[in-house]
């Protein structure tokens, strides 16, 4: 898969809804209910971070949910990429980007949303062909004002800011012309997930899905 094709596919994922839920799942038995609740609320693109032993099993279960598009987050190594692809991930997300990680995603035909924090990093990925990138960690790197400033000289790149994004500040990011969507964990609070309160999570998803975009 070429970087250009990967960016086309990640752009489609980012355009599905204004928010991509960032999910840390401790118990794969809860994955199906969580995915159904989020999809029912209008958030079909789901990022399951590879931070727990249950993550890959959760991806396998979520990939079966009708209407959902499940990706694997926190991809750090070639092994992560292979495991995510085998589990059924439709896309990948990384906090940063290395040549080996990019090559692994290209070799495994896994569209990647690669992370950047600076204009130089954005330019290097653009040079390779990646026009859709993740701005991370968004808030500590200057938030929406920083992303607006980066976008002025690099309008070819669109972003999904993640890291410190909440219902309160998401509109600031979504108002920017170089932002396709945001990534956030507030739509699936740990307490609600553990309690299996799918109605409450669906309500949060509906609220997030209604956020306007530029």
C-alpha atoms as a PDB file:
ATOM      1  CA  UNK A   1       0.000   0.000   0.000  1.00  0.00           C
ATOM      2  CA  UNK A   2       1.370   3.393  -0.944  1.00  0.00           C
ATOM      3  CA  UNK A   3       1.363   6.270   1.560  1.00  0.00           C
ATOM      4  CA  UNK A   4      -0.959   8.166  -0.766  1.00  0.00           C
ATOM      5  CA  UNK A   5      -3.500   5.342  -0.783  1.00  0.00           C
ATOM      6  CA  UNK A   6      -3.148   4.956   2.974  1.00  0.00           C
ATOM      7  CA  UNK A   7      -3.944   8.634   3.433  1.00  0.00           C
ATOM      8  CA  UNK A   8      -7.010   8.340   1.207  1.00  0.00           C
ATOM      9  CA  UNK A   9      -8.312   5.513   3.370  1.00  0.00           C
ATOM     10  CA  UNK A  10      -7.539   7.210   6.695  1.00  0.00           C
ATOM     11  CA  UNK A  11      -9.236  10.361   5.425  1.00  0.00           C
ATOM     12  CA  UNK A  12     -12.391   8.328   4.781  1.00  0.00           C
ATOM     13  CA  UNK A  13     -12.244   6.981   8.337  1.00  0.00           C
ATOM     14  CA  UNK A  14     -11.728  10.458   9.762  1.00  0.00           C
ATOM     15  CA  UNK A  15     -14.696  11.810   7.834  1.00  0.00           C
ATOM     16  CA  UNK A  16     -17.101   9.205   9.224  1.00  0.00           C
ATOM     17  CA  UNK A  17     -17.739  11.291  12.355  1.00  0.00           C
ATOM     18  CA  UNK A  18     -16.272  14.321  14.128  1.00  0.00           C
ATOM     19  CA  UNK A  19     -14.879  12.138  16.934  1.00  0.00           C
ATOM     20  CA  UNK A  20     -12.918   8.890  16.947  1.00  0.00           C
ATOM     21  CA  UNK A  21     -13.260   7.282  20.377  1.00  0.00           C
ATOM     22  CA  UNK A  22      -9.880   6.327  21.846  1.00  0.00           C
ATOM     23  CA  UNK A  23     -10.519   3.142  23.816  1.00  0.00           C
ATOM     24  CA  UNK A  24      -8.415   1.423  26.469  1.00  0.00           C
ATOM     25  CA  UNK A  25     -10.145  -1.921  27.019  1.00  0.00           C
ATOM     26  CA  UNK A  26      -9.276  -4.088  30.005  1.00  0.00           C
ATOM     27  CA  UNK A  27     -11.894  -6.797  29.415  1.00  0.00           C
ATOM     28  CA  UNK A  28     -12.571  -8.096  25.905  1.00  0.00           C
ATOM     29  CA  UNK A  29     -15.959  -9.375  27.060  1.00  0.00           C
ATOM     30  CA  UNK A  30     -17.135  -5.768  27.107  1.00  0.00           C
ATOM     31  CA  UNK A  31     -15.896  -4.977  23.601  1.00  0.00           C
ATOM     32  CA  UNK A  32     -19.001  -5.926  21.631  1.00  0.00           C
ATOM     33  CA  UNK A  33     -21.383  -3.974  23.852  1.00  0.00           C
ATOM     34  CA  UNK A  34     -19.101  -0.951  23.809  1.00  0.00           C
ATOM     35  CA  UNK A  35     -18.751  -0.997  20.026  1.00  0.00           C
ATOM     36  CA  UNK A  36     -22.492  -1.339  19.522  1.00  0.00           C
ATOM     37  CA  UNK A  37     -23.174   1.552  21.899  1.00  0.00           C
ATOM     38  CA  UNK A  38     -20.747   3.881  20.135  1.00  0.00           C
ATOM     39  CA  UNK A  39     -21.884   2.926  16.637  1.00  0.00           C
ATOM     40  CA  UNK A  40     -25.518   3.393  17.687  1.00  0.00           C
ATOM     41  CA  UNK A  41     -24.604   6.881  18.858  1.00  0.00           C
ATOM     42  CA  UNK A  42     -23.113   7.827  15.496  1.00  0.00           C
ATOM     43  CA  UNK A  43     -19.419   7.142  16.098  1.00  0.00           C
ATOM     44  CA  UNK A  44     -18.502   4.224  13.798  1.00  0.00           C
ATOM     45  CA  UNK A  45     -14.708   4.689  13.725  1.00  0.00           C
ATOM     46  CA  UNK A  46     -13.181   3.158  16.855  1.00  0.00           C
ATOM     47  CA  UNK A  47      -9.551   3.171  17.987  1.00  0.00           C
ATOM     48  CA  UNK A  48      -8.584   0.396  20.399  1.00  0.00           C
ATOM     49  CA  UNK A  49      -5.204   1.171  21.910  1.00  0.00           C
ATOM     50  CA  UNK A  50      -2.726  -1.680  22.258  1.00  0.00           C
ATOM     51  CA  UNK A  51      -2.068  -0.843  25.895  1.00  0.00           C
ATOM     52  CA  UNK A  52      -3.728  -3.827  27.529  1.00  0.00           C
ATOM     53  CA  UNK A  53      -3.510  -7.619  27.164  1.00  0.00           C
ATOM     54  CA  UNK A  54      -7.168  -7.621  26.080  1.00  0.00           C
ATOM     55  CA  UNK A  55      -6.714  -5.151  23.214  1.00  0.00           C
ATOM     56  CA  UNK A  56      -6.248  -7.591  20.335  1.00  0.00           C
ATOM     57  CA  UNK A  57      -9.159  -9.772  21.439  1.00  0.00           C
ATOM     58  CA  UNK A  58     -11.261  -6.626  21.772  1.00  0.00           C
ATOM     59  CA  UNK A  59     -10.409  -5.666  18.190  1.00  0.00           C
ATOM     60  CA  UNK A  60     -11.427  -9.138  17.018  1.00  0.00           C
ATOM     61  CA  UNK A  61     -14.816  -8.797  18.698  1.00  0.00           C
ATOM     62  CA  UNK A  62     -15.422  -5.200  17.618  1.00  0.00           C
ATOM     63  CA  UNK A  63     -14.559  -6.003  14.016  1.00  0.00           C
ATOM     64  CA  UNK A  64     -17.687  -8.190  13.931  1.00  0.00           C
ATOM     65  CA  UNK A  65     -20.012  -5.326  14.916  1.00  0.00           C
ATOM     66  CA  UNK A  66     -22.086  -4.128  11.975  1.00  0.00           C
ATOM     67  CA  UNK A  67     -21.400  -0.548  11.006  1.00  0.00           C
ATOM     68  CA  UNK A  68     -18.162  -0.284  12.935  1.00  0.00           C
ATOM     69  CA  UNK A  69     -14.704   0.469  11.546  1.00  0.00           C
ATOM     70  CA  UNK A  70     -12.125  -0.676  14.070  1.00  0.00           C
ATOM     71  CA  UNK A  71      -8.527   0.446  14.226  1.00  0.00           C
ATOM     72  CA  UNK A  72      -5.553  -0.312  16.440  1.00  0.00           C
ATOM     73  CA  UNK A  73      -3.881   2.516  18.305  1.00  0.00           C
ATOM     74  CA  UNK A  74      -0.484   2.875  19.946  1.00  0.00           C
ATOM     75  CA  UNK A  75       1.284   1.008  17.149  1.00  0.00           C
ATOM     76  CA  UNK A  76       4.983   1.156  18.007  1.00  0.00           C
ATOM     77  CA  UNK A  77       6.659  -1.785  16.288  1.00  0.00           C
ATOM     78  CA  UNK A  78       6.468  -4.012  13.240  1.00  0.00           C
ATOM     79  CA  UNK A  79       5.130  -6.752  15.536  1.00  0.00           C
ATOM     80  CA  UNK A  80       2.290  -4.477  16.619  1.00  0.00           C
ATOM     81  CA  UNK A  81       1.340  -3.860  12.998  1.00  0.00           C
ATOM     82  CA  UNK A  82       1.262  -7.564  12.132  1.00  0.00           C
ATOM     83  CA  UNK A  83      -0.780  -8.390  15.243  1.00  0.00           C
ATOM     84  CA  UNK A  84      -3.262  -5.577  14.603  1.00  0.00           C
ATOM     85  CA  UNK A  85      -3.780  -6.650  11.005  1.00  0.00           C
ATOM     86  CA  UNK A  86      -4.267 -10.284  12.027  1.00  0.00           C
ATOM     87  CA  UNK A  87      -6.831  -9.239  14.647  1.00  0.00           C
ATOM     88  CA  UNK A  88      -8.918  -7.488  12.013  1.00  0.00           C
ATOM     89  CA  UNK A  89      -7.960  -3.842  12.395  1.00  0.00           C
ATOM     90  CA  UNK A  90      -8.994  -1.718   9.405  1.00  0.00           C
ATOM     91  CA  UNK A  91      -6.553   1.075  10.193  1.00  0.00           C
ATOM     92  CA  UNK A  92      -3.717   1.911  12.565  1.00  0.00           C
ATOM     93  CA  UNK A  93      -2.801   4.896  14.702  1.00  0.00           C
ATOM     94  CA  UNK A  94       0.616   5.696  16.143  1.00  0.00           C
ATOM     95  CA  UNK A  95       1.827   8.345  18.603  1.00  0.00           C
ATOM     96  CA  UNK A  96       4.767   9.090  16.309  1.00  0.00           C
ATOM     97  CA  UNK A  97       6.278   7.723  13.118  1.00  0.00           C
ATOM     98  CA  UNK A  98       9.485   5.872  12.308  1.00  0.00           C
ATOM     99  CA  UNK A  99      10.637   4.606   8.948  1.00  0.00           C
ATOM    100  CA  UNK A 100      10.348   0.989  10.116  1.00  0.00           C
ATOM    101  CA  UNK A 101       6.806   1.474  11.398  1.00  0.00           C
ATOM    102  CA  UNK A 102       5.701   3.224   8.225  1.00  0.00           C
ATOM    103  CA  UNK A 103       7.249   0.488   6.084  1.00  0.00           C
ATOM    104  CA  UNK A 104       5.544  -2.219   8.147  1.00  0.00           C
ATOM    105  CA  UNK A 105       2.135  -0.620   7.683  1.00  0.00           C
ATOM    106  CA  UNK A 106       2.745  -0.203   3.964  1.00  0.00           C
ATOM    107  CA  UNK A 107       3.881  -3.837   3.659  1.00  0.00           C
ATOM    108  CA  UNK A 108       0.855  -5.133   5.615  1.00  0.00           C
ATOM    109  CA  UNK A 109      -1.630  -2.910   3.745  1.00  0.00           C
ATOM    110  CA  UNK A 110      -2.712  -1.260   6.997  1.00  0.00           C
ATOM    111  CA  UNK A 111      -3.661   2.412   6.521  1.00  0.00           C
ATOM    112  CA  UNK A 112      -1.848   4.432   9.170  1.00  0.00           C
ATOM    113  CA  UNK A 113      -2.679   7.675  10.927  1.00  0.00           C
ATOM    114  CA  UNK A 114       0.881   8.611  11.946  1.00  0.00           C
ATOM    115  CA  UNK A 115       1.517  10.956  14.856  1.00  0.00           C
ATOM    116  CA  UNK A 116       3.373  14.264  14.656  1.00  0.00           C
ATOM    117  CA  UNK A 117       4.065  17.057  17.106  1.00  0.00           C
ATOM    118  CA  UNK A 118       5.989  19.578  14.992  1.00  0.00           C
ATOM    119  CA  UNK A 119       6.004  21.190  11.580  1.00  0.00           C
ATOM    120  CA  UNK A 120       9.221  19.355  10.708  1.00  0.00           C
ATOM    121  CA  UNK A 121       7.632  15.984  11.465  1.00  0.00           C
ATOM    122  CA  UNK A 122       4.566  16.922   9.423  1.00  0.00           C
ATOM    123  CA  UNK A 123       6.792  17.919   6.506  1.00  0.00           C
ATOM    124  CA  UNK A 124       8.774  14.683   6.632  1.00  0.00           C
ATOM    125  CA  UNK A 125       5.597  12.617   6.485  1.00  0.00           C
ATOM    126  CA  UNK A 126       4.196  14.816   3.725  1.00  0.00           C
ATOM    127  CA  UNK A 127       7.407  14.267   1.785  1.00  0.00           C
ATOM    128  CA  UNK A 128       6.800  10.513   2.045  1.00  0.00           C
ATOM    129  CA  UNK A 129       3.197  10.898   0.881  1.00  0.00           C
ATOM    130  CA  UNK A 130       1.177  11.018   4.116  1.00  0.00           C
ATOM    131  CA  UNK A 131      -1.326  13.852   3.885  1.00  0.00           C
ATOM    132  CA  UNK A 132      -3.492  12.790   6.854  1.00  0.00           C
ATOM    133  CA  UNK A 133      -1.744  12.830  10.217  1.00  0.00           C
ATOM    134  CA  UNK A 134      -2.420  12.714  13.953  1.00  0.00           C
ATOM    135  CA  UNK A 135      -1.422  15.785  15.990  1.00  0.00           C
ATOM    136  CA  UNK A 136      -0.269  14.386  19.343  1.00  0.00           C
ATOM    137  CA  UNK A 137      -0.256  15.177  22.190  1.00  0.00           C
ATOM    138  CA  UNK A 138      -2.468  18.022  21.046  1.00  0.00           C
ATOM    139  CA  UNK A 139      -3.107  20.089  24.167  1.00  0.00           C
ATOM    140  CA  UNK A 140       0.423  20.098  25.578  1.00  0.00           C
ATOM    141  CA  UNK A 141       1.757  21.004  22.128  1.00  0.00           C
ATOM    142  CA  UNK A 142      -0.218  24.236  21.999  1.00  0.00           C
ATOM    143  CA  UNK A 143      -3.713  23.017  21.228  1.00  0.00           C
ATOM    144  CA  UNK A 144      -5.868  24.464  18.480  1.00  0.00           C
ATOM    145  CA  UNK A 145      -3.791  27.679  18.106  1.00  0.00           C
ATOM    146  CA  UNK A 146      -0.661  25.619  17.394  1.00  0.00           C
ATOM    147  CA  UNK A 147      -2.451  23.453  14.867  1.00  0.00           C
ATOM    148  CA  UNK A 148      -3.848  26.538  13.163  1.00  0.00           C
ATOM    149  CA  UNK A 149      -0.321  27.949  12.920  1.00  0.00           C
ATOM    150  CA  UNK A 150       1.086  24.711  11.495  1.00  0.00           C
ATOM    151  CA  UNK A 151      -1.699  24.599   8.937  1.00  0.00           C
ATOM    152  CA  UNK A 152      -0.925  28.016   7.509  1.00  0.00           C
ATOM    153  CA  UNK A 153       2.338  27.013   5.748  1.00  0.00           C
ATOM    154  CA  UNK A 154       1.394  23.319   5.342  1.00  0.00           C
ATOM    155  CA  UNK A 155      -2.192  23.350   4.047  1.00  0.00           C
ATOM    156  CA  UNK A 156      -1.671  20.045   2.222  1.00  0.00           C
ATOM    157  CA  UNK A 157      -1.904  18.126   5.497  1.00  0.00           C
ATOM    158  CA  UNK A 158      -5.111  17.350   7.397  1.00  0.00           C
ATOM    159  CA  UNK A 159      -5.062  16.301  11.037  1.00  0.00           C
ATOM    160  CA  UNK A 160      -6.802  14.342  13.749  1.00  0.00           C
ATOM    161  CA  UNK A 161      -5.703  15.971  17.011  1.00  0.00           C
ATOM    162  CA  UNK A 162      -5.591  13.642  20.004  1.00  0.00           C
ATOM    163  CA  UNK A 163      -4.356  13.991  23.551  1.00  0.00           C
ATOM    164  CA  UNK A 164      -6.182  16.176  26.034  1.00  0.00           C
ATOM    165  CA  UNK A 165      -9.112  16.681  23.663  1.00  0.00           C
ATOM    166  CA  UNK A 166     -12.473  16.898  25.446  1.00  0.00           C
ATOM    167  CA  UNK A 167     -16.054  17.855  24.769  1.00  0.00           C
ATOM    168  CA  UNK A 168     -15.150  21.340  25.941  1.00  0.00           C
ATOM    169  CA  UNK A 169     -12.254  22.015  23.571  1.00  0.00           C
ATOM    170  CA  UNK A 170     -13.144  19.719  20.656  1.00  0.00           C
ATOM    171  CA  UNK A 171     -15.112  22.499  18.902  1.00  0.00           C
ATOM    172  CA  UNK A 172     -11.960  24.674  18.816  1.00  0.00           C
ATOM    173  CA  UNK A 173     -10.149  21.977  16.859  1.00  0.00           C
ATOM    174  CA  UNK A 174     -13.078  21.025  14.638  1.00  0.00           C
ATOM    175  CA  UNK A 175     -13.463  24.654  13.558  1.00  0.00           C
ATOM    176  CA  UNK A 176     -10.038  24.541  11.891  1.00  0.00           C
ATOM    177  CA  UNK A 177      -9.945  23.898   8.130  1.00  0.00           C
ATOM    178  CA  UNK A 178      -7.050  21.434   8.501  1.00  0.00           C
ATOM    179  CA  UNK A 179      -8.859  19.212  11.038  1.00  0.00           C
ATOM    180  CA  UNK A 180     -10.938  16.259   9.801  1.00  0.00           C
ATOM    181  CA  UNK A 181     -11.902  14.939  13.233  1.00  0.00           C
ATOM    182  CA  UNK A 182     -10.596  14.626  16.781  1.00  0.00           C
ATOM    183  CA  UNK A 183      -9.705  11.631  18.905  1.00  0.00           C
ATOM    184  CA  UNK A 184     -10.910  11.459  22.483  1.00  0.00           C
ATOM    185  CA  UNK A 185     -11.637   9.099  25.343  1.00  0.00           C
ATOM    186  CA  UNK A 186     -14.390  11.100  27.030  1.00  0.00           C
ATOM    187  CA  UNK A 187     -17.136   9.272  25.107  1.00  0.00           C
ATOM    188  CA  UNK A 188     -16.295   5.976  26.825  1.00  0.00           C
ATOM    189  CA  UNK A 189     -15.420   6.691  30.481  1.00  0.00           C
ATOM    190  CA  UNK A 190     -13.858   3.751  32.298  1.00  0.00           C
ATOM    191  CA  UNK A 191     -16.558   3.654  34.962  1.00  0.00           C
ATOM    192  CA  UNK A 192     -19.367   3.439  32.407  1.00  0.00           C
ATOM    193  CA  UNK A 193     -17.565   0.773  30.401  1.00  0.00           C
ATOM    194  CA  UNK A 194     -16.925  -1.388  33.456  1.00  0.00           C
ATOM    195  CA  UNK A 195     -20.558  -0.964  34.496  1.00  0.00           C
ATOM    196  CA  UNK A 196     -21.773  -1.901  31.017  1.00  0.00           C
ATOM    197  CA  UNK A 197     -23.880   1.254  30.926  1.00  0.00           C
ATOM    198  CA  UNK A 198     -24.267   1.221  27.165  1.00  0.00           C
ATOM    199  CA  UNK A 199     -27.207   3.639  27.152  1.00  0.00           C
ATOM    200  CA  UNK A 200     -25.085   6.299  28.854  1.00  0.00           C
ATOM    201  CA  UNK A 201     -22.244   5.750  26.405  1.00  0.00           C
ATOM    202  CA  UNK A 202     -24.611   5.960  23.451  1.00  0.00           C
ATOM    203  CA  UNK A 203     -25.861   9.279  24.823  1.00  0.00           C
ATOM    204  CA  UNK A 204     -22.297  10.591  25.019  1.00  0.00           C
ATOM    205  CA  UNK A 205     -21.666   9.370  21.471  1.00  0.00           C
ATOM    206  CA  UNK A 206     -24.778  11.152  20.167  1.00  0.00           C
ATOM    207  CA  UNK A 207     -23.555  14.374  21.773  1.00  0.00           C
ATOM    208  CA  UNK A 208     -20.103  13.982  20.224  1.00  0.00           C
ATOM    209  CA  UNK A 209     -21.449  13.027  16.800  1.00  0.00           C
ATOM    210  CA  UNK A 210     -23.436  16.257  16.719  1.00  0.00           C
ATOM    211  CA  UNK A 211     -20.353  18.458  17.030  1.00  0.00           C
ATOM    212  CA  UNK A 212     -20.019  20.710  13.965  1.00  0.00           C
ATOM    213  CA  UNK A 213     -17.011  20.609  11.671  1.00  0.00           C
ATOM    214  CA  UNK A 214     -15.499  23.298   9.484  1.00  0.00           C
END
